[in-house]
Structure formats: C-alpha cells, structure tokens
Protein backbone atom coordinates (compact mmCIF):
# COMPACT_ATOMS: atom_id res chain seq x y z
CA MET A 1 24.86 13.56 4.82
CA SER A 2 22.98 11.84 2.14
CA LEU A 3 19.23 10.76 2.31
CA PRO A 4 18.30 7.53 3.44
CA ARG A 5 17.89 5.09 0.56
CA ILE A 6 14.13 4.93 1.18
CA LEU A 7 13.88 8.71 0.38
CA GLN A 8 15.95 8.60 -2.72
CA ASN A 9 14.71 8.41 -6.38
CA LEU A 10 11.34 9.81 -5.73
CA ARG A 11 9.62 11.18 -8.85
CA VAL A 12 9.37 14.60 -7.24
CA PRO A 13 11.05 15.22 -3.79
CA VAL A 14 7.71 15.27 -2.01
CA ILE A 15 6.23 13.62 1.10
CA ALA A 16 2.46 14.02 1.05
CA ALA A 17 1.59 15.17 4.56
CA PRO A 18 -0.72 12.97 6.69
CA MET A 19 -4.29 14.53 7.11
CA PHE A 20 -6.77 13.71 9.69
CA ILE A 21 -9.99 12.50 8.27
CA ALA A 22 -8.70 12.80 4.59
CA GLY A 23 -6.10 10.27 4.61
CA ASN A 24 -7.04 6.80 3.71
CA PRO A 25 -5.69 3.73 1.88
CA LYS A 26 -6.89 4.71 -1.63
CA LEU A 27 -5.31 8.30 -1.34
CA VAL A 28 -1.93 6.93 -0.03
CA ILE A 29 -1.74 4.09 -2.72
CA GLU A 30 -2.29 6.76 -5.46
CA GLN A 31 0.23 9.00 -3.97
CA CYS A 32 2.80 6.29 -3.83
CA LYS A 33 2.03 5.06 -7.37
CA ALA A 34 2.53 8.52 -8.68
CA GLY A 35 6.10 8.54 -7.14
CA ILE A 36 5.83 10.46 -3.89
CA VAL A 37 5.85 9.24 -0.31
CA GLY A 38 2.10 8.82 0.61
CA SER A 39 1.07 8.97 4.38
CA PHE A 40 -1.97 8.85 6.62
CA PRO A 41 -2.47 9.39 10.33
CA ALA A 42 -2.91 5.99 12.30
CA LEU A 43 -5.79 7.56 14.14
CA ASN A 44 -7.86 7.85 10.86
CA ALA A 45 -8.36 4.07 10.88
CA ARG A 46 -11.39 3.61 13.24
CA PRO A 47 -11.90 1.60 15.15
CA LYS A 48 -8.35 0.94 15.84
CA GLU A 49 -8.63 -2.78 14.64
CA ALA A 50 -9.06 -1.26 11.26
CA LEU A 51 -5.42 -0.26 11.16
CA GLU A 52 -4.28 -3.78 10.29
CA GLY A 53 -6.66 -3.99 7.34
CA TRP A 54 -5.53 -0.52 6.04
CA LEU A 55 -1.85 -1.53 6.09
CA THR A 56 -2.55 -4.87 4.29
CA GLU A 57 -4.57 -3.03 1.56
CA ILE A 58 -1.79 -0.56 0.97
CA GLU A 59 1.11 -2.97 0.91
CA SER A 60 -0.87 -5.39 -1.40
CA ALA A 61 -1.70 -2.75 -3.73
CA LEU A 62 1.95 -1.42 -3.96
CA ALA A 63 3.60 -4.99 -4.11
CA SER A 64 3.02 -5.06 -7.82
CA GLN A 65 3.97 -1.57 -8.45
CA ALA A 66 7.69 -1.62 -9.48
CA ASN A 67 8.33 2.12 -9.19
CA ALA A 68 6.05 2.96 -6.28
CA ALA A 69 7.32 5.15 -3.72
CA PRO A 70 7.33 4.21 0.02
CA TYR A 71 4.48 5.10 2.36
CA ALA A 72 4.41 6.58 5.86
CA VAL A 73 2.21 6.38 8.91
CA ASN A 74 1.74 9.23 11.35
CA GLN A 75 1.79 8.59 15.09
CA ILE A 76 0.52 11.20 17.50
CA VAL A 77 2.85 10.68 20.54
CA HIS A 78 0.84 13.20 22.71
CA LYS A 79 -0.03 11.58 26.23
CA SER A 80 -3.80 11.78 25.37
CA ASN A 81 -3.52 9.36 22.56
CA ASP A 82 -4.60 6.15 24.24
CA ARG A 83 -4.14 4.17 20.93
CA LEU A 84 -0.37 4.96 20.62
CA GLU A 85 0.94 1.64 21.87
CA HIS A 86 -1.53 -0.41 19.90
CA ASP A 87 -0.98 1.40 16.68
CA VAL A 88 2.81 1.33 16.85
CA GLU A 89 2.74 -2.45 17.65
CA VAL A 90 0.53 -2.92 14.42
CA CYS A 91 2.92 -0.80 12.42
CA ILE A 92 5.93 -2.84 13.75
CA LYS A 93 4.35 -5.96 12.67
CA HIS A 94 3.92 -4.70 9.13
CA LYS A 95 7.35 -3.05 9.27
CA VAL A 96 6.05 0.21 8.14
CA PRO A 97 8.82 1.88 6.18
CA ILE A 98 8.55 5.52 7.37
CA THR A 99 6.92 6.67 10.70
CA ILE A 100 6.13 10.34 11.03
CA THR A 101 5.70 11.49 14.80
CA SER A 102 4.04 14.43 16.05
CA LEU A 103 3.29 16.52 19.07
CA ARG A 104 6.06 15.19 21.47
CA ALA A 105 9.51 13.95 21.19
CA PRO A 106 9.11 10.21 20.35
CA ASN A 107 11.52 8.91 22.86
CA ASP A 108 9.66 5.54 23.42
CA VAL A 109 9.02 5.10 19.65
CA VAL A 110 12.28 5.53 17.78
CA ALA A 111 14.14 2.38 19.05
CA LYS A 112 11.21 0.11 18.09
CA ILE A 113 11.03 1.52 14.49
CA HIS A 114 14.73 1.41 14.06
CA ALA A 115 14.84 -2.37 15.37
CA TYR A 116 13.19 -3.57 12.17
CA GLY A 117 15.00 -0.97 9.88
CA GLY A 118 12.22 1.62 9.49
CA ILE A 119 13.05 5.33 9.79
CA VAL A 120 11.45 8.23 11.79
CA LEU A 121 10.76 11.74 10.72
CA HIS A 122 9.43 14.13 13.33
CA ASP A 123 7.26 17.28 13.12
CA VAL A 124 8.83 20.35 14.80
CA ILE A 125 7.83 24.04 14.88
CA SER A 126 10.84 25.51 16.59
CA VAL A 127 14.71 24.87 17.31
CA ARG A 128 13.87 23.48 20.75
CA HIS A 129 11.62 20.94 19.37
CA ALA A 130 14.13 20.09 16.84
CA GLU A 131 16.85 19.50 19.38
CA LYS A 132 14.60 17.32 21.49
CA ALA A 133 13.55 15.27 18.42
CA LEU A 134 17.23 14.77 17.57
CA GLU A 135 18.17 13.75 21.29
CA ALA A 136 15.47 11.12 20.83
CA GLY A 137 17.23 9.59 17.84
CA VAL A 138 14.89 10.54 14.91
CA ASP A 139 16.34 10.22 11.39
CA GLY A 140 15.05 13.51 10.05
CA LEU A 141 13.01 16.49 10.76
CA ILE A 142 9.87 17.88 9.28
CA LEU A 143 9.94 21.74 9.66
CA VAL A 144 6.34 22.83 9.98
CA CYS A 145 6.40 26.62 9.24
CA ALA A 146 4.19 29.43 8.93
CA GLY A 147 1.28 28.89 6.51
CA ALA A 148 1.05 24.95 6.79
CA GLY A 149 -2.25 23.42 6.93
CA GLY A 150 -3.32 21.80 10.20
CA HIS A 151 -1.10 22.04 13.15
CA ALA A 152 1.68 24.53 12.31
CA GLY A 153 4.07 27.08 13.70
CA THR A 154 4.62 30.76 13.11
CA LEU A 155 8.31 30.87 11.91
CA SER A 156 9.26 31.61 8.38
CA PRO A 157 10.63 28.56 6.74
CA PHE A 158 13.65 30.60 5.91
CA ALA A 159 14.32 31.49 9.56
CA LEU A 160 13.75 27.92 10.87
CA ILE A 161 15.67 25.94 8.21
CA GLY A 162 18.59 28.33 8.45
CA GLU A 163 18.91 27.93 12.12
CA VAL A 164 18.42 24.04 12.19
CA ARG A 165 20.91 23.77 9.44
CA ARG A 166 23.40 25.13 11.84
CA PHE A 167 23.50 21.93 13.77
CA PHE A 168 21.82 19.23 11.72
CA ASP A 169 23.00 18.07 8.42
CA GLY A 170 20.45 15.27 8.10
CA PRO A 171 17.12 14.96 6.17
CA ILE A 172 14.97 17.96 6.33
CA VAL A 173 11.46 18.22 5.01
CA LEU A 174 9.93 21.54 4.78
CA SER A 175 6.25 22.45 5.12
CA GLY A 176 4.27 25.63 4.75
CA ALA A 177 2.11 26.69 1.94
CA ILE A 178 3.72 24.57 -0.64
CA SER A 179 1.35 23.89 -3.48
CA SER A 180 3.52 24.14 -6.66
CA GLY A 181 6.55 22.47 -8.23
CA ALA A 182 8.32 25.95 -8.07
CA ALA A 183 7.71 25.87 -4.24
CA ILE A 184 9.25 22.39 -4.05
CA LEU A 185 12.37 23.65 -5.71
CA ALA A 186 12.45 26.70 -3.55
CA ALA A 187 12.30 24.58 -0.51
CA GLN A 188 15.43 22.75 -1.69
CA ALA A 189 17.08 25.95 -2.50
CA ALA A 190 16.51 27.04 1.14
CA GLY A 191 18.22 23.91 2.45
CA ALA A 192 15.47 21.35 2.56
CA ASP A 193 15.86 17.76 1.03
CA LEU A 194 11.99 17.36 0.47
CA ALA A 195 8.72 19.23 0.48
CA TYR A 196 5.89 18.31 2.66
CA ILE A 197 2.48 18.85 0.70
CA GLY A 198 -0.86 18.42 2.44
CA THR A 199 -3.59 20.87 1.38
CA ARG A 200 -3.16 20.35 -2.26
CA PHE A 201 -4.11 16.62 -1.93
CA LEU A 202 -7.49 17.65 -0.17
CA ALA A 203 -8.81 18.65 -3.57
CA THR A 204 -8.65 15.07 -4.97
CA PRO A 205 -11.40 12.61 -5.42
CA GLU A 206 -9.35 10.26 -3.27
CA ALA A 207 -9.52 12.39 -0.06
CA SER A 208 -12.06 11.31 2.31
CA VAL A 209 -13.52 14.82 2.93
CA PRO A 210 -17.05 16.12 1.80
CA ASP A 211 -17.52 17.53 -1.53
CA ARG A 212 -18.44 20.94 -0.11
CA TYR A 213 -15.09 21.01 1.78
CA LYS A 214 -13.22 20.40 -1.65
CA GLU A 215 -15.36 23.15 -3.25
CA GLU A 216 -14.55 25.63 -0.51
CA LEU A 217 -10.88 25.02 -1.08
CA LEU A 218 -11.39 26.17 -4.76
CA ARG A 219 -13.02 29.50 -3.55
CA ALA A 220 -10.40 30.15 -0.75
CA ALA A 221 -7.34 32.22 -0.68
CA ALA A 222 -4.63 32.85 1.89
CA ALA A 223 -6.71 35.46 3.47
CA ASP A 224 -9.18 32.94 4.27
CA ILE A 225 -6.97 30.90 6.71
CA VAL A 226 -7.55 31.32 10.45
CA TYR A 227 -4.75 30.40 12.79
CA THR A 228 -5.88 29.31 16.31
CA ASP A 229 -5.47 26.95 19.10
CA LEU A 230 -9.08 26.80 20.09
CA PHE A 231 -10.21 23.70 18.34
CA SER A 232 -7.48 21.18 19.20
CA GLY A 233 -5.44 22.86 21.95
CA VAL A 234 -2.57 23.22 19.41
CA HIS A 235 -2.26 26.12 17.02
CA GLY A 236 -3.20 25.35 13.57
CA ASN A 237 -4.64 26.72 10.29
CA TYR A 238 -8.26 26.42 9.30
CA LEU A 239 -10.65 27.71 6.52
CA LYS A 240 -12.45 30.79 7.78
CA HIS A 241 -15.93 29.72 6.37
CA SER A 242 -15.87 26.48 8.31
CA VAL A 243 -14.98 28.37 11.45
CA ILE A 244 -18.12 30.63 10.87
CA ALA A 245 -20.33 27.86 9.84
CA ALA A 246 -19.45 26.10 13.26
CA GLY A 247 -20.74 29.38 15.08
CA PHE A 248 -17.52 31.16 15.79
CA ASP A 249 -16.27 34.69 15.13
CA PRO A 250 -12.98 34.37 13.33
CA LEU A 251 -11.96 37.73 14.52
CA ASN A 252 -12.94 37.19 18.20
CA LEU A 253 -11.80 33.50 19.07
CA PRO A 254 -11.32 32.49 22.61
CA LYS A 255 -8.25 30.75 23.89
CA SER A 256 -8.08 27.02 24.13
CA ASP A 257 -7.78 24.87 27.33
CA PRO A 258 -4.75 22.77 26.71
CA SER A 259 -5.77 20.40 29.34
CA LYS A 260 -8.78 19.22 27.20
CA MET A 261 -6.61 18.08 24.34
CA ASN A 262 -7.55 14.54 23.18
CA PHE A 263 -6.00 12.58 20.40
CA GLY A 264 -7.20 9.27 21.28
CA THR A 265 -10.39 7.20 20.79
CA THR A 266 -12.71 9.44 22.84
CA GLY A 267 -14.47 12.47 21.56
CA GLY A 268 -17.16 15.04 22.70
CA ALA A 269 -20.43 16.02 21.15
CA GLY A 270 -21.01 18.97 18.70
CA LYS A 271 -18.54 20.39 16.25
CA LYS A 272 -15.19 18.51 15.80
CA VAL A 273 -11.93 19.67 14.41
CA TRP A 274 -10.98 18.14 11.13
CA ARG A 275 -14.75 16.90 10.56
CA ASP A 276 -16.55 20.28 10.90
CA ILE A 277 -13.75 22.79 11.35
CA TRP A 278 -11.74 22.32 8.05
CA SER A 279 -8.02 22.68 7.89
CA ALA A 280 -6.17 24.20 5.15
CA GLY A 281 -2.76 25.99 4.58
CA GLN A 282 -2.13 29.31 3.05
CA GLY A 283 -1.12 27.76 -0.26
CA VAL A 284 -4.99 27.01 -0.85
CA GLY A 285 -5.30 30.01 -3.20
CA GLN A 286 -3.15 28.18 -5.82
CA ILE A 287 -5.55 25.26 -6.01
CA ASP A 288 -7.81 25.70 -9.12
CA ALA A 289 -9.35 22.32 -9.60
CA ILE A 290 -10.34 19.06 -8.11
CA ALA A 291 -8.15 16.56 -9.73
CA PRO A 292 -7.03 13.05 -9.25
CA VAL A 293 -3.88 12.30 -7.27
CA ALA A 294 -2.02 11.29 -10.55
CA GLN A 295 -2.87 14.39 -12.21
CA VAL A 296 -1.76 16.64 -9.22
CA VAL A 297 1.67 14.84 -9.14
CA ASP A 298 1.95 15.17 -13.01
CA ARG A 299 1.42 18.94 -12.61
CA LEU A 300 3.80 19.12 -9.74
CA ALA A 301 6.50 17.25 -11.56
CA ALA A 302 6.06 19.56 -14.68
CA GLU A 303 6.28 22.55 -12.72
CA TYR A 304 9.21 21.40 -10.77
CA LEU A 305 11.06 20.71 -14.09
CA ALA A 306 10.01 23.89 -15.64
CA ALA A 307 11.39 25.94 -12.45
CA ARG A 308 14.76 24.02 -12.70
CA GLN A 309 14.92 24.91 -16.44
CA ARG A 310 13.94 28.57 -15.67
CA LEU A 311 16.84 28.90 -13.30
CA GLN A 312 19.05 26.79 -15.61
CA ILE A 313 19.69 23.99 -13.11
CA ASN A 314 20.68 20.83 -14.66
C-alpha cells in the first residue's frame, strides 16, 4: 500500500511529534518550511478560542511556501478532554490536513476528518491498541515504542513493528529515541514509512519551553530518563533532574491514580507535568546544540543521505 499523497515527497521522511507546551505556530511553520510534517497538540492553544488564530497563522504563513510540507494537529480523545468536541470542530472548519489522535481509539473523530478529505494517524503502544485504531478506520498508525519522549510504551520498535506488519500494510510512523538521520533510515529498514521525532525539536529557539529546559537537554543522556505513570496517569519518559527539582525521588516514585487523569481545561495547583516535569526521550544524549529548526532538519537530511550512501542505497 502506498503512502497517502499528502505524506509523499517530504524532504526527509519525518513527522515532528506534537509536544505539550513546546508546540506553537512558529515551531510548526518552521518545520513545514523545512520540508517535514510539523505538528502541535490542540490543547496547547489556550484558551480554546486561541486555536482558531493558531490555525489561521499557520495556514497564512505556509500559503506562500511552494514546497512546504503539510501540518498536523494532535487531538487527545481521552474522556477527560472536555475540549475535544470544540477543537475538532475548529479543525474541521480549517480542513486540517492531518489529525494525530491519542489515548483512545478515535471512533467518533475519524468519519468527521474523512468527510473533508483529511487523514487520521493514531498513536499506539501495543498490538491491541493498533487493532482497535484500525477498527475505528484510521489511515495510519504511529508506533510509540520504548525510549520515546512523553507518553510512550515499553516494546522494542523491532518487536512492535514486526507484529503490526503481519496484519497492516498501510502507513506506519515509528517513534522511540530517533534523533539522527541514520535512525530515520533504520526506522524505514525495520518496516516503517516515516520517523516520528519530538525531543530533538525541543532544543530549538522556536520551541516554547524555558531556556533551562533546553540547557538540561544538552547535559542529559539516556540514563537520565525516568519512565513513570505518576505525573499524568499514563506512562511516559521525563528528565530525571526535573523530577528531582519537583521534589520526587526518581528511584522511589509512587504509582499514579488513573482516575485523576485530566487532559482538559482544568488543572490543579503545584507542579504540573510538561510545564515543571520535563519530558524527553532516550535519544536526548545525541543532542549537542540548541539550533533553529531549519538547521536541525538540514542536519537530519544530511545524516539520512550519508547513511543511505554508507549502505549503498540508491
């Protein structure tokens, strides 16, 4: 099965992962201008009325860019997201080309996106989740494997992609510690069509995170990543030093209370995930500089080409 037209002809086969707090119109615009799919979580636009302006800003900036890649918006379809209906309707109005859904099979979303010609890619961490997403009619799967930043699974990418490819020949995007052009090629060699890269784009001027967060990324290595479900109710990867700074012992973290998961407009006081507890994937140790998005993509493209040449792939 070939890729949907909208995912073809990217400069590098990459979708920039939507990142809470960090994602914003400027980041997305620069990613798309550089030739990869840019994305952001709808929930980043706060208050919810700001989403309309964000989409207009992105569309206006990309309209004059002949070779710009498409953009994507991430929708959290978990029941606690009390903005979902509003955000989906705004995205339908703007005919957002790619919707990335997360945290529950998007049964109520897919038909609405397909009605105007958009496509839906869904985050999964297991075969069961993949099967449920396909039953809902999604166009492609994003396999969020061990080592990915933010919410992530525990399966090796080689294990999950191998099992999913037994029953699905459609678009697969692979996530999990991908920080280089060589890793992008490895993802394709394993059976993926595209790579999903998030953490690398945190260390850019365009990302909406504090400078101290970006500086911490330069000091961190894979051993500094903590995997826990404490902070959001869903297992994810975070920078150890931000966990310590928030007053927790990374070696003795309590279990979460899933009933307190909240992906909507409300929030409690004190330390908050994403804002104070900083996400990062295990590929963080390969980040050696804070550089503009354009330079990051230039480097990924050069590394990807070099890897192909090294393996004598035409």
